[in-house]
Protein backbone atom coordinates (compact mmCIF):
# COMPACT_ATOMS: atom_id res chain seq x y z
CA MET A 1 1.92 -18.09 16.05
CA THR A 2 -1.44 -16.64 15.03
CA LYS A 3 -1.18 -13.24 13.41
CA LEU A 4 -3.26 -10.59 15.20
CA TRP A 5 -4.15 -7.01 14.38
CA GLU A 6 -4.87 -5.83 17.92
CA ASP A 7 -7.81 -8.09 18.87
CA LYS A 8 -8.69 -9.16 15.31
CA ARG A 9 -7.44 -12.03 13.17
CA TYR A 10 -7.56 -9.95 10.02
CA HIS A 11 -6.10 -6.63 8.91
CA THR A 12 -8.90 -4.20 9.70
CA LEU A 13 -9.33 -0.71 8.32
CA ASN A 14 -9.47 0.66 11.85
CA TYR A 15 -6.08 -0.90 12.64
CA PHE A 16 -4.58 0.42 9.40
CA LEU A 17 -5.83 3.98 9.96
CA ARG A 18 -4.68 4.09 13.58
CA GLU A 19 -1.24 2.87 12.56
CA ARG A 20 -1.00 5.49 9.82
CA PHE A 21 -2.54 8.52 11.54
CA LYS A 22 -1.99 7.61 15.23
CA GLU A 23 -5.59 8.44 16.16
CA LYS A 24 -9.18 7.56 15.38
CA VAL A 25 -10.18 8.37 11.79
CA PHE A 26 -13.79 8.55 10.60
CA LYS A 27 -15.27 8.22 7.14
CA ILE A 28 -17.61 11.01 5.99
CA SER A 29 -19.68 9.63 3.11
CA LEU A 30 -20.50 12.25 0.49
CA ASP A 31 -22.70 12.46 -2.58
CA GLY A 32 -20.89 14.54 -5.19
CA GLY A 33 -23.93 14.79 -7.45
CA PHE A 34 -22.40 12.59 -10.14
CA SER A 35 -24.16 10.13 -12.43
CA CYS A 36 -22.93 6.84 -13.90
CA PRO A 37 -22.35 5.75 -17.53
CA ASN A 38 -24.20 2.55 -16.69
CA ARG A 39 -27.29 4.61 -15.88
CA ASP A 40 -27.29 7.63 -18.20
CA GLY A 41 -27.35 5.63 -21.44
CA THR A 42 -23.64 5.82 -22.27
CA ILE A 43 -23.28 2.10 -21.50
CA SER A 44 -26.74 1.23 -20.23
CA SER A 45 -29.74 2.86 -18.65
CA GLY A 46 -30.43 0.07 -16.18
CA GLY A 47 -27.32 0.20 -14.03
CA CYS A 48 -25.90 -2.83 -12.25
CA LEU A 49 -28.77 -5.11 -11.21
CA PHE A 50 -28.02 -4.81 -7.48
CA CYS A 51 -27.51 -1.04 -7.37
CA SER A 52 -30.02 1.07 -5.44
CA GLU A 53 -31.57 4.34 -6.57
CA ARG A 54 -28.94 6.16 -4.51
CA GLY A 55 -26.14 4.59 -6.55
CA SER A 56 -24.88 2.50 -3.62
CA GLY A 57 -24.73 5.68 -1.57
CA ASP A 58 -27.72 5.04 0.68
CA TYR A 59 -25.84 6.33 3.71
CA ALA A 60 -24.06 9.20 1.99
CA GLY A 61 -24.97 12.84 2.37
CA ASP A 62 -27.79 14.55 0.48
CA ARG A 63 -26.76 15.68 -3.01
CA GLU A 64 -29.14 18.63 -2.69
CA PHE A 65 -26.57 20.17 -0.35
CA SER A 66 -23.00 21.31 -0.98
CA ILE A 67 -20.02 19.15 -0.08
CA THR A 68 -19.32 21.45 2.87
CA GLU A 69 -22.90 21.23 4.15
CA GLN A 70 -22.94 17.44 3.84
CA PHE A 71 -19.58 17.15 5.56
CA THR A 72 -20.53 19.44 8.44
CA THR A 73 -23.86 17.68 9.07
CA ILE A 74 -22.35 14.20 9.20
CA LYS A 75 -19.35 15.36 11.22
CA GLU A 76 -21.64 16.82 13.89
CA MET A 77 -23.59 13.56 14.11
CA MET A 78 -20.38 11.61 14.58
CA LYS A 79 -19.31 13.88 17.42
CA ASN A 80 -22.16 12.47 19.47
CA LYS A 81 -20.28 9.17 19.57
CA TRP A 82 -16.64 10.20 19.17
CA LYS A 83 -15.45 13.57 20.45
CA ASN A 84 -12.07 13.61 18.70
CA GLY A 85 -10.53 12.29 15.51
CA LYS A 86 -9.64 13.00 11.90
CA TYR A 87 -11.69 12.43 8.76
CA ILE A 88 -11.74 10.72 5.38
CA ALA A 89 -13.74 12.55 2.74
CA TYR A 90 -15.41 9.62 0.98
CA PHE A 91 -17.14 10.18 -2.35
CA GLN A 92 -19.42 7.17 -2.23
CA ALA A 93 -22.56 7.55 -4.33
CA TYR A 94 -22.57 6.71 -8.07
CA THR A 95 -19.36 7.13 -10.15
CA ASN A 96 -17.15 9.79 -8.66
CA THR A 97 -14.67 10.29 -11.50
CA TYR A 98 -17.46 10.61 -14.08
CA GLY A 99 -17.34 14.29 -14.92
CA GLU A 100 -15.22 17.08 -16.35
CA VAL A 101 -11.84 17.35 -14.69
CA GLU A 102 -12.47 20.87 -13.43
CA GLU A 103 -15.77 19.78 -11.89
CA LEU A 104 -13.98 16.92 -10.14
CA ARG A 105 -11.22 19.24 -8.95
CA LYS A 106 -13.72 21.71 -7.50
CA LYS A 107 -15.51 19.05 -5.46
CA TYR A 108 -12.38 17.24 -4.33
CA ASP A 109 -10.84 20.58 -3.28
CA GLU A 110 -13.92 21.47 -1.27
CA ALA A 111 -13.81 18.08 0.45
CA ILE A 112 -10.15 18.07 1.47
CA SER A 113 -10.34 21.70 2.62
CA GLN A 114 -12.64 20.69 5.50
CA GLU A 115 -11.02 20.86 8.91
CA GLY A 116 -9.52 17.56 10.02
CA VAL A 117 -9.53 15.80 6.65
CA VAL A 118 -6.46 13.58 6.25
CA ALA A 119 -7.58 11.34 3.38
CA LEU A 120 -9.65 11.29 0.21
CA ALA A 121 -11.47 8.10 -0.85
CA ILE A 122 -13.17 7.96 -4.24
CA ALA A 123 -15.52 5.21 -5.43
CA THR A 124 -15.66 4.79 -9.19
CA ARG A 125 -15.76 2.43 -12.16
CA PRO A 126 -12.63 1.11 -13.88
CA ASP A 127 -13.90 2.45 -17.20
CA CYS A 128 -14.07 6.03 -15.88
CA LEU A 129 -10.37 6.65 -15.36
CA SER A 130 -9.06 8.60 -18.33
CA LYS A 131 -5.47 9.86 -18.45
CA GLU A 132 -6.72 13.32 -17.46
CA VAL A 133 -8.53 11.92 -14.43
CA LEU A 134 -5.50 9.82 -13.47
CA ASP A 135 -3.32 12.94 -13.66
CA LEU A 136 -5.77 14.71 -11.36
CA LEU A 137 -5.82 11.87 -8.85
CA GLU A 138 -2.03 11.85 -8.79
CA GLU A 139 -2.12 15.54 -7.83
CA TYR A 140 -4.28 14.77 -4.81
CA LYS A 141 -2.06 11.88 -3.78
CA ASN A 142 0.59 14.49 -3.08
CA LYS A 143 -1.78 16.52 -0.86
CA VAL A 144 -3.53 13.88 1.27
CA TYR A 145 -3.67 10.11 1.51
CA VAL A 146 -5.78 8.89 -1.44
CA TRP A 147 -7.38 5.59 -2.26
CA ILE A 148 -9.60 4.67 -5.20
CA GLU A 149 -12.39 2.12 -4.84
CA LEU A 150 -13.17 -0.03 -7.88
CA GLY A 151 -16.37 -2.05 -8.10
CA LEU A 152 -15.25 -5.36 -9.57
CA GLN A 153 -17.80 -7.58 -7.76
CA THR A 154 -16.71 -10.78 -9.56
CA VAL A 155 -14.02 -12.07 -11.94
CA ASP A 156 -16.51 -14.29 -13.72
CA GLU A 157 -17.38 -12.75 -17.09
CA ASN A 158 -20.71 -14.57 -17.34
CA THR A 159 -21.81 -13.25 -13.96
CA ALA A 160 -20.65 -9.79 -14.97
CA LYS A 161 -23.03 -9.93 -17.93
CA ILE A 162 -25.91 -11.17 -15.78
CA ILE A 163 -25.51 -8.27 -13.34
CA ASN A 164 -25.02 -5.78 -16.20
CA ARG A 165 -21.64 -4.61 -14.91
CA GLY A 166 -20.83 -3.09 -18.27
CA TYR A 167 -17.09 -3.72 -18.57
CA SER A 168 -14.72 -6.66 -18.95
CA LEU A 169 -12.10 -7.97 -16.56
CA LYS A 170 -9.45 -6.62 -18.94
CA VAL A 171 -10.74 -3.08 -18.33
CA PHE A 172 -10.42 -3.60 -14.58
CA GLU A 173 -6.86 -4.86 -14.94
CA GLU A 174 -5.88 -1.87 -17.07
CA ALA A 175 -7.36 0.56 -14.55
CA LEU A 176 -5.61 -1.19 -11.67
CA ASN A 177 -2.27 -1.07 -13.46
CA ASN A 178 -2.71 2.61 -14.34
CA LEU A 179 -3.45 3.54 -10.75
CA ARG A 180 -0.63 1.47 -9.28
CA ASN A 181 1.84 2.86 -11.81
CA ARG A 182 1.10 6.23 -10.20
CA ASP A 183 1.41 4.74 -6.72
CA ILE A 184 -2.27 5.31 -5.95
CA ASP A 185 -3.80 2.81 -3.54
CA VAL A 186 -6.69 0.68 -4.75
CA VAL A 187 -9.55 -0.89 -2.79
CA VAL A 188 -11.68 -3.45 -4.66
CA HIS A 189 -15.34 -4.25 -4.05
CA THR A 190 -16.59 -7.83 -4.33
CA ILE A 191 -20.03 -9.32 -3.69
CA PHE A 192 -20.89 -12.77 -2.36
CA GLY A 193 -24.23 -14.24 -3.41
CA LEU A 194 -24.52 -12.92 -6.96
CA PRO A 195 -26.91 -14.80 -9.27
CA GLY A 196 -25.43 -17.98 -10.70
CA GLU A 197 -22.35 -17.90 -8.47
CA ASP A 198 -21.49 -20.92 -6.38
CA GLU A 199 -18.84 -21.06 -3.69
CA ILE A 200 -16.13 -21.97 -6.19
CA LYS A 201 -16.79 -18.84 -8.25
CA MET A 202 -16.85 -16.62 -5.17
CA MET A 203 -13.49 -17.98 -4.02
CA LYS A 204 -12.02 -17.54 -7.51
CA THR A 205 -12.63 -13.81 -7.19
CA ILE A 206 -10.87 -13.75 -3.82
CA GLU A 207 -7.96 -15.88 -5.07
CA TYR A 208 -7.58 -13.61 -8.11
CA LEU A 209 -7.46 -10.45 -6.01
CA ALA A 210 -5.13 -12.04 -3.45
CA CYS A 211 -2.46 -12.16 -6.14
CA LYS A 212 -3.00 -8.64 -7.44
CA ASP A 213 -1.35 -5.41 -6.37
CA ILE A 214 -4.30 -4.10 -4.38
CA GLN A 215 -4.15 -2.44 -0.99
CA GLY A 216 -7.66 -3.08 0.26
CA ILE A 217 -10.82 -5.10 -0.27
CA LYS A 218 -14.49 -4.77 0.57
CA ILE A 219 -16.48 -7.99 0.65
CA HIS A 220 -20.19 -7.31 0.45
CA LEU A 221 -23.15 -9.56 0.97
CA LEU A 222 -25.68 -9.27 -1.86
CA HIS A 223 -28.59 -7.23 -0.56
CA LEU A 224 -31.82 -7.62 -2.45
CA MET A 225 -33.45 -4.21 -2.24
CA LYS A 226 -36.76 -2.85 -3.39
CA GLY A 227 -36.62 -0.95 -6.64
CA THR A 228 -33.52 -2.71 -8.00
CA PRO A 229 -33.55 -4.73 -11.24
CA MET A 230 -32.36 -7.74 -9.22
CA VAL A 231 -35.88 -8.13 -7.84
CA LYS A 232 -37.06 -9.54 -11.18
CA LEU A 233 -34.54 -12.40 -10.96
CA TYR A 234 -35.65 -13.11 -7.42
CA GLU A 235 -39.31 -13.23 -8.44
CA LYS A 236 -38.43 -15.70 -11.22
CA GLY A 237 -36.63 -17.96 -8.74
CA GLN A 238 -33.24 -17.24 -10.33
CA LEU A 239 -31.59 -15.88 -7.20
CA SER A 240 -30.56 -17.88 -4.16
CA ILE A 241 -30.11 -15.99 -0.90
CA LEU A 242 -27.13 -16.99 1.24
CA THR A 243 -27.86 -18.16 4.75
CA LYS A 244 -26.12 -16.49 7.66
CA ASP A 245 -24.10 -19.61 8.49
CA ASN A 246 -22.93 -20.08 4.91
CA TYR A 247 -21.95 -16.45 4.57
CA ILE A 248 -19.91 -16.51 7.77
CA ARG A 249 -18.14 -19.70 6.66
CA LEU A 250 -17.36 -18.23 3.23
CA ILE A 251 -16.04 -14.99 4.71
CA CYS A 252 -13.72 -16.85 7.05
CA GLU A 253 -12.40 -18.92 4.14
CA ALA A 254 -11.88 -15.78 2.06
CA ILE A 255 -9.92 -14.07 4.83
CA THR A 256 -7.47 -16.97 5.07
CA LYS A 257 -6.75 -16.71 1.33
CA LEU A 258 -5.86 -13.00 1.42
CA PRO A 259 -2.27 -11.90 2.11
CA PRO A 260 -1.73 -10.09 5.42
CA ASN A 261 -0.86 -6.76 3.77
CA ILE A 262 -4.30 -6.29 2.18
CA VAL A 263 -6.52 -4.14 4.39
CA ILE A 264 -10.02 -5.52 4.83
CA HIS A 265 -12.33 -2.51 4.70
CA ARG A 266 -15.59 -4.42 4.96
CA LEU A 267 -16.85 -7.95 5.60
CA THR A 268 -20.55 -7.29 5.25
CA GLY A 269 -22.69 -4.35 4.27
CA ASP A 270 -25.60 -2.20 5.31
CA ALA A 271 -28.91 -1.83 3.55
CA PRO A 272 -31.70 0.51 4.64
CA ARG A 273 -34.25 -1.44 6.66
CA ASN A 274 -37.15 -0.02 4.66
CA LEU A 275 -35.61 -1.17 1.34
CA LEU A 276 -34.18 -4.57 2.25
CA ILE A 277 -36.06 -7.62 0.98
CA GLU A 278 -33.46 -10.30 1.76
CA PRO A 279 -31.53 -11.47 3.69
CA LYS A 280 -33.20 -10.12 6.80
CA TRP A 281 -30.47 -11.59 9.01
CA SER A 282 -28.03 -9.02 7.59
CA LEU A 283 -29.79 -6.26 9.54
CA LYS A 284 -27.99 -7.50 12.65
CA LYS A 285 -24.58 -6.50 11.34
CA TRP A 286 -22.69 -6.76 14.63
CA GLU A 287 -24.00 -10.25 15.23
CA VAL A 288 -22.53 -11.27 11.87
CA LEU A 289 -19.17 -9.63 12.57
CA ASN A 290 -18.98 -11.16 16.04
CA ALA A 291 -19.80 -14.58 14.59
CA ILE A 292 -16.96 -14.20 12.08
CA ASP A 293 -14.55 -13.36 14.90
CA SER A 294 -15.76 -16.32 16.95
CA ARG A 295 -15.43 -18.80 14.10
CA MET A 296 -11.93 -17.64 13.22
CA LYS A 297 -10.82 -17.98 16.82
CA GLU A 298 -12.52 -21.36 17.26
CA LYS A 299 -10.98 -22.77 14.06
CA GLY A 300 -7.56 -21.17 14.56
CA LEU A 301 -7.89 -19.11 11.39
CA HIS A 302 -6.26 -15.81 10.46
CA GLN A 303 -5.67 -13.69 7.40
CA GLY A 304 -2.99 -15.10 5.13
CA LEU A 305 -3.15 -18.61 6.60
CA TYR A 306 -3.72 -20.21 3.19
CA PHE A 307 -2.26 -17.50 0.97
CA PRO A 308 0.18 -19.06 -1.53
CA THR A 309 3.82 -18.12 -1.13
CA ASN A 310 4.33 -17.77 -4.88
CA LYS A 311 2.62 -14.52 -5.76
CA ASN A 312 1.99 -14.11 -9.46
CA ASN A 313 0.66 -10.80 -10.72
């Protein structure tokens, strides 16, 4: 019998949140005003090659405003579509554990104090999780539901160097273990279409994560955006852009390799229309998602279909 999560053939974030909180839950994307060691010269000044000027927080609030002001503004916009629900305070832009512990505490406290907040999501780098920060995150885990998002992107060390990720796979594994030892949920970001990566390498990343103790995954499509270092590779002919059909096929294959317990937070991404160079087809996000659903139904696919029974962490 095909496994279904309501009307989907994969374990969606919406399904997970409704099961946990028994109502609609919205994400409020915030900019905490942090920087990144891969931008400020600590590791590098260039950042990851794909990262936008907003530190992958192009749809987050405005850092010129307080956490409360950002939260209130976005919450009011969401009320135009959904009248009722709870909220996730999501620190999205740049590296959100990259600061003094008391600074982090102040901003996290302000976020979870907003009316209706039931969860705290924090995007960061694996190399920005000191013992002091881990202790702090464990405190919040006892106040609200917490998950930490780690930007792995790929398990291939050569690709990691090309994209200037700035840390090794070993660092990621250590961070994952440290978080899970404290029973903190982890969501991992991956990207399909990175320079030099063929389908085999993309699937290796998925197969690796499928056998790790992670609770969620975000699979992004590589967006080539104006102002990013990745543009230089594109201009030199060193970057191949995935077609829509290939991306949909790869996503469906990836879903079948993931165990049913891993929550799929994202299957494609958004890029601002005025910044996107390629692929233009990604602007029609719902067409892509609907095509994924259609292919999975047509082919009889579902999450976990080809996940190995012998899990080896």
